[in-house]
């Protein structure tokens, strides 16, 4: 199985993954990126910070980029706020 590295960029939470995670394929790495981004977003919101600039970058062991996921894309908006610019 290939090793994937999950790096966080762009804000107070900056981290370069030096260990990586063995996963079966790119799709599993994308799923893990969404899970990680959701956890970081929750942490940021609980600490009264908006994750506007941060993103999770996933790179395969052969340096092939897999995904760059902005944390802001993981925020779910309540249905009564959709379409109101919030």
C-alpha atoms as a PDB file:
ATOM      1  CA  UNK A   1       0.000   0.000   0.000  1.00  0.00           C
ATOM      2  CA  UNK A   2       1.251   3.506  -0.771  1.00  0.00           C
ATOM      3  CA  UNK A   3       2.016   6.022   1.947  1.00  0.00           C
ATOM      4  CA  UNK A   4       0.151   9.344   1.937  1.00  0.00           C
ATOM      5  CA  UNK A   5       1.256  12.521   3.716  1.00  0.00           C
ATOM      6  CA  UNK A   6      -1.307  14.951   5.162  1.00  0.00           C
ATOM      7  CA  UNK A   7       0.059  18.489   5.475  1.00  0.00           C
ATOM      8  CA  UNK A   8      -1.840  21.452   6.925  1.00  0.00           C
ATOM      9  CA  UNK A   9      -1.133  24.941   5.577  1.00  0.00           C
ATOM     10  CA  UNK A  10      -2.297  28.515   5.841  1.00  0.00           C
ATOM     11  CA  UNK A  11      -3.091  29.542   9.383  1.00  0.00           C
ATOM     12  CA  UNK A  12      -2.282  29.092  13.061  1.00  0.00           C
ATOM     13  CA  UNK A  13      -2.446  25.324  12.547  1.00  0.00           C
ATOM     14  CA  UNK A  14       0.560  24.465  10.364  1.00  0.00           C
ATOM     15  CA  UNK A  15       1.920  20.946  10.178  1.00  0.00           C
ATOM     16  CA  UNK A  16       4.000  18.854   7.853  1.00  0.00           C
ATOM     17  CA  UNK A  17       3.315  15.132   8.062  1.00  0.00           C
ATOM     18  CA  UNK A  18       6.668  13.385   8.364  1.00  0.00           C
ATOM     19  CA  UNK A  19       5.295   9.906   9.081  1.00  0.00           C
ATOM     20  CA  UNK A  20       2.434   9.451   6.638  1.00  0.00           C
ATOM     21  CA  UNK A  21      -0.338   6.903   6.558  1.00  0.00           C
ATOM     22  CA  UNK A  22      -0.538   3.752   4.477  1.00  0.00           C
ATOM     23  CA  UNK A  23      -3.831   3.596   2.610  1.00  0.00           C
ATOM     24  CA  UNK A  24      -5.088   1.384  -0.227  1.00  0.00           C
ATOM     25  CA  UNK A  25      -5.612   4.141  -2.820  1.00  0.00           C
ATOM     26  CA  UNK A  26      -6.110   7.826  -3.610  1.00  0.00           C
ATOM     27  CA  UNK A  27      -9.830   7.641  -2.846  1.00  0.00           C
ATOM     28  CA  UNK A  28      -9.116   6.426   0.700  1.00  0.00           C
ATOM     29  CA  UNK A  29      -6.615   9.290   1.074  1.00  0.00           C
ATOM     30  CA  UNK A  30      -9.268  11.806  -0.053  1.00  0.00           C
ATOM     31  CA  UNK A  31     -11.703  10.404   2.517  1.00  0.00           C
ATOM     32  CA  UNK A  32      -9.063  10.695   5.228  1.00  0.00           C
ATOM     33  CA  UNK A  33      -8.355  14.290   4.149  1.00  0.00           C
ATOM     34  CA  UNK A  34     -12.055  15.154   4.565  1.00  0.00           C
ATOM     35  CA  UNK A  35     -12.102  13.523   8.005  1.00  0.00           C
ATOM     36  CA  UNK A  36      -8.966  15.384   9.101  1.00  0.00           C
ATOM     37  CA  UNK A  37     -10.200  18.693   7.683  1.00  0.00           C
ATOM     38  CA  UNK A  38     -13.467  18.272   9.561  1.00  0.00           C
ATOM     39  CA  UNK A  39     -11.632  17.686  12.846  1.00  0.00           C
ATOM     40  CA  UNK A  40      -9.406  20.727  12.356  1.00  0.00           C
ATOM     41  CA  UNK A  41     -12.410  22.857  11.376  1.00  0.00           C
ATOM     42  CA  UNK A  42     -14.283  21.782  14.505  1.00  0.00           C
ATOM     43  CA  UNK A  43     -11.245  22.636  16.640  1.00  0.00           C
ATOM     44  CA  UNK A  44     -10.927  26.056  14.993  1.00  0.00           C
ATOM     45  CA  UNK A  45     -14.626  26.862  15.453  1.00  0.00           C
ATOM     46  CA  UNK A  46     -14.580  25.719  19.091  1.00  0.00           C
ATOM     47  CA  UNK A  47     -11.721  28.170  19.633  1.00  0.00           C
ATOM     48  CA  UNK A  48     -13.670  31.022  18.004  1.00  0.00           C
ATOM     49  CA  UNK A  49     -11.577  31.072  14.839  1.00  0.00           C
ATOM     50  CA  UNK A  50     -12.880  30.830  11.299  1.00  0.00           C
ATOM     51  CA  UNK A  51     -10.794  28.445   9.168  1.00  0.00           C
ATOM     52  CA  UNK A  52     -10.742  30.742   6.154  1.00  0.00           C
ATOM     53  CA  UNK A  53      -7.184  30.341   4.911  1.00  0.00           C
ATOM     54  CA  UNK A  54      -6.178  26.831   5.996  1.00  0.00           C
ATOM     55  CA  UNK A  55      -6.175  23.756   3.810  1.00  0.00           C
ATOM     56  CA  UNK A  56      -5.182  20.101   3.988  1.00  0.00           C
ATOM     57  CA  UNK A  57      -2.814  18.947   1.279  1.00  0.00           C
ATOM     58  CA  UNK A  58      -2.365  15.232   0.578  1.00  0.00           C
ATOM     59  CA  UNK A  59       0.711  14.025  -1.259  1.00  0.00           C
ATOM     60  CA  UNK A  60       1.452  10.426  -2.199  1.00  0.00           C
ATOM     61  CA  UNK A  61       4.875   8.922  -1.440  1.00  0.00           C
ATOM     62  CA  UNK A  62       5.924   9.469  -5.082  1.00  0.00           C
ATOM     63  CA  UNK A  63       5.204  13.236  -4.585  1.00  0.00           C
ATOM     64  CA  UNK A  64       2.016  13.053  -6.653  1.00  0.00           C
ATOM     65  CA  UNK A  65      -0.535  15.539  -5.252  1.00  0.00           C
ATOM     66  CA  UNK A  66      -3.852  13.894  -4.414  1.00  0.00           C
ATOM     67  CA  UNK A  67      -5.996  16.730  -3.037  1.00  0.00           C
ATOM     68  CA  UNK A  68      -5.787  20.256  -1.624  1.00  0.00           C
ATOM     69  CA  UNK A  69      -8.879  20.668   0.528  1.00  0.00           C
ATOM     70  CA  UNK A  70      -9.749  24.114   1.950  1.00  0.00           C
ATOM     71  CA  UNK A  71     -11.086  23.788   5.484  1.00  0.00           C
ATOM     72  CA  UNK A  72     -13.824  26.298   4.689  1.00  0.00           C
ATOM     73  CA  UNK A  73     -15.352  23.684   2.365  1.00  0.00           C
ATOM     74  CA  UNK A  74     -15.961  21.384   5.334  1.00  0.00           C
ATOM     75  CA  UNK A  75     -18.244  23.813   7.181  1.00  0.00           C
ATOM     76  CA  UNK A  76     -21.867  22.792   6.973  1.00  0.00           C
ATOM     77  CA  UNK A  77     -24.292  25.668   6.867  1.00  0.00           C
ATOM     78  CA  UNK A  78     -27.624  25.349   8.653  1.00  0.00           C
ATOM     79  CA  UNK A  79     -30.432  25.069   6.075  1.00  0.00           C
ATOM     80  CA  UNK A  80     -32.065  28.329   7.203  1.00  0.00           C
ATOM     81  CA  UNK A  81     -28.872  30.238   6.325  1.00  0.00           C
ATOM     82  CA  UNK A  82     -28.257  28.861   2.863  1.00  0.00           C
ATOM     83  CA  UNK A  83     -28.798  31.535   0.251  1.00  0.00           C
ATOM     84  CA  UNK A  84     -28.585  34.410   2.699  1.00  0.00           C
ATOM     85  CA  UNK A  85     -24.890  35.097   2.297  1.00  0.00           C
ATOM     86  CA  UNK A  86     -23.939  33.559   5.643  1.00  0.00           C
END
